[in-house]
Amino acid sequence: MADVPADRYLYRPEGGWPMSTEAILMMAVAMVIIWGGLIASIMALRARPDRTDLPPGGEDDHREDAGIIEHDT
């Protein structure tokens, strides 16, 4: 058994290579960033669901003469 590389015993046929510590750390950081952003956006939307600082305007008036301009092309 002296000619068998040491890495041979790390591979598991049912699961592949085990994750390194650096890979687990990066996965945890990415999960915290993604889930933290989702939670922060949900909390912000719950605190202020509707914007009230928009300028006035945009009321719908149902005038018949303000239709779509048709061009002869």
C-alpha atoms as a PDB file:
ATOM      1  CA  MET A   1       0.000   0.000   0.000  1.00  0.00           C
ATOM      2  CA  ALA A   2       2.976   2.307  -0.065  1.00  0.00           C
ATOM      3  CA  ASP A   3       2.447   3.148  -3.745  1.00  0.00           C
ATOM      4  CA  VAL A   4      -1.149   4.403  -3.234  1.00  0.00           C
ATOM      5  CA  PRO A   5      -1.374   8.226  -3.075  1.00  0.00           C
ATOM      6  CA  ALA A   6      -2.700   9.681   0.167  1.00  0.00           C
ATOM      7  CA  ASP A   7      -5.418  11.630  -1.697  1.00  0.00           C
ATOM      8  CA  ARG A   8      -6.958   8.378  -2.893  1.00  0.00           C
ATOM      9  CA  TYR A   9      -8.644   7.872   0.462  1.00  0.00           C
ATOM     10  CA  LEU A  10     -10.275  11.319   0.444  1.00  0.00           C
ATOM     11  CA  TYR A  11     -12.407  10.604  -2.635  1.00  0.00           C
ATOM     12  CA  ARG A  12     -15.792   9.084  -1.903  1.00  0.00           C
ATOM     13  CA  PRO A  13     -17.546   7.466  -4.877  1.00  0.00           C
ATOM     14  CA  GLU A  14     -20.996   8.327  -3.505  1.00  0.00           C
ATOM     15  CA  GLY A  15     -20.197  11.997  -2.877  1.00  0.00           C
ATOM     16  CA  GLY A  16     -17.019  12.982  -4.689  1.00  0.00           C
ATOM     17  CA  TRP A  17     -14.299  15.050  -3.088  1.00  0.00           C
ATOM     18  CA  PRO A  18     -14.935  16.552   0.355  1.00  0.00           C
ATOM     19  CA  MET A  19     -15.233  20.333   0.557  1.00  0.00           C
ATOM     20  CA  SER A  20     -12.229  22.232   1.820  1.00  0.00           C
ATOM     21  CA  THR A  21     -12.437  24.681   4.701  1.00  0.00           C
ATOM     22  CA  GLU A  22     -12.030  27.607   2.309  1.00  0.00           C
ATOM     23  CA  ALA A  23     -14.911  26.376   0.150  1.00  0.00           C
ATOM     24  CA  ILE A  24     -17.197  25.996   3.165  1.00  0.00           C
ATOM     25  CA  LEU A  25     -16.240  29.476   4.388  1.00  0.00           C
ATOM     26  CA  MET A  26     -16.950  31.069   0.992  1.00  0.00           C
ATOM     27  CA  MET A  27     -20.277  29.228   0.784  1.00  0.00           C
ATOM     28  CA  ALA A  28     -21.246  30.511   4.237  1.00  0.00           C
ATOM     29  CA  VAL A  29     -20.267  34.094   3.320  1.00  0.00           C
ATOM     30  CA  ALA A  30     -22.273  33.914   0.092  1.00  0.00           C
ATOM     31  CA  MET A  31     -25.313  32.530   1.922  1.00  0.00           C
ATOM     32  CA  VAL A  32     -25.129  35.282   4.545  1.00  0.00           C
ATOM     33  CA  ILE A  33     -24.921  37.940   1.823  1.00  0.00           C
ATOM     34  CA  ILE A  34     -27.843  36.527  -0.200  1.00  0.00           C
ATOM     35  CA  TRP A  35     -30.168  35.721   2.707  1.00  0.00           C
ATOM     36  CA  GLY A  36     -29.157  38.876   4.576  1.00  0.00           C
ATOM     37  CA  GLY A  37     -30.029  41.009   1.571  1.00  0.00           C
ATOM     38  CA  LEU A  38     -33.370  39.276   1.217  1.00  0.00           C
ATOM     39  CA  ILE A  39     -34.188  39.777   4.891  1.00  0.00           C
ATOM     40  CA  ALA A  40     -33.047  43.418   4.791  1.00  0.00           C
ATOM     41  CA  SER A  41     -35.220  44.148   1.740  1.00  0.00           C
ATOM     42  CA  ILE A  42     -38.248  42.475   3.332  1.00  0.00           C
ATOM     43  CA  MET A  43     -37.740  44.488   6.519  1.00  0.00           C
ATOM     44  CA  ALA A  44     -37.411  47.726   4.515  1.00  0.00           C
ATOM     45  CA  LEU A  45     -40.594  46.993   2.571  1.00  0.00           C
ATOM     46  CA  ARG A  46     -42.477  46.183   5.756  1.00  0.00           C
ATOM     47  CA  ALA A  47     -41.341  49.451   7.345  1.00  0.00           C
ATOM     48  CA  ARG A  48     -42.302  51.644   4.354  1.00  0.00           C
ATOM     49  CA  PRO A  49     -44.564  49.764   1.930  1.00  0.00           C
ATOM     50  CA  ASP A  50     -45.732  52.773  -0.146  1.00  0.00           C
ATOM     51  CA  ARG A  51     -43.728  55.775  -1.262  1.00  0.00           C
ATOM     52  CA  THR A  52     -45.250  59.086  -0.288  1.00  0.00           C
ATOM     53  CA  ASP A  53     -42.560  61.413  -1.628  1.00  0.00           C
ATOM     54  CA  LEU A  54     -43.528  61.131  -5.294  1.00  0.00           C
ATOM     55  CA  PRO A  55     -44.475  64.318  -7.173  1.00  0.00           C
ATOM     56  CA  PRO A  56     -48.139  64.966  -7.894  1.00  0.00           C
ATOM     57  CA  GLY A  57     -49.539  64.004 -11.249  1.00  0.00           C
ATOM     58  CA  GLY A  58     -50.361  60.933 -13.198  1.00  0.00           C
ATOM     59  CA  GLU A  59     -54.090  61.105 -12.636  1.00  0.00           C
ATOM     60  CA  ASP A  60     -56.023  59.401 -15.360  1.00  0.00           C
ATOM     61  CA  ASP A  61     -58.393  61.709 -17.228  1.00  0.00           C
ATOM     62  CA  HIS A  62     -60.554  59.994 -19.782  1.00  0.00           C
ATOM     63  CA  ARG A  63     -60.482  62.600 -22.542  1.00  0.00           C
ATOM     64  CA  GLU A  64     -61.535  61.384 -25.943  1.00  0.00           C
ATOM     65  CA  ASP A  65     -59.266  63.763 -27.875  1.00  0.00           C
ATOM     66  CA  ALA A  66     -55.978  62.660 -26.312  1.00  0.00           C
ATOM     67  CA  GLY A  67     -55.587  59.369 -28.124  1.00  0.00           C
ATOM     68  CA  ILE A  68     -52.522  57.810 -29.638  1.00  0.00           C
ATOM     69  CA  ILE A  69     -51.006  59.868 -32.430  1.00  0.00           C
ATOM     70  CA  GLU A  70     -51.170  57.935 -35.686  1.00  0.00           C
ATOM     71  CA  HIS A  71     -48.543  58.724 -38.308  1.00  0.00           C
ATOM     72  CA  ASP A  72     -48.725  57.912 -41.991  1.00  0.00           C
ATOM     73  CA  THR A  73     -45.599  55.895 -42.752  1.00  0.00           C
END
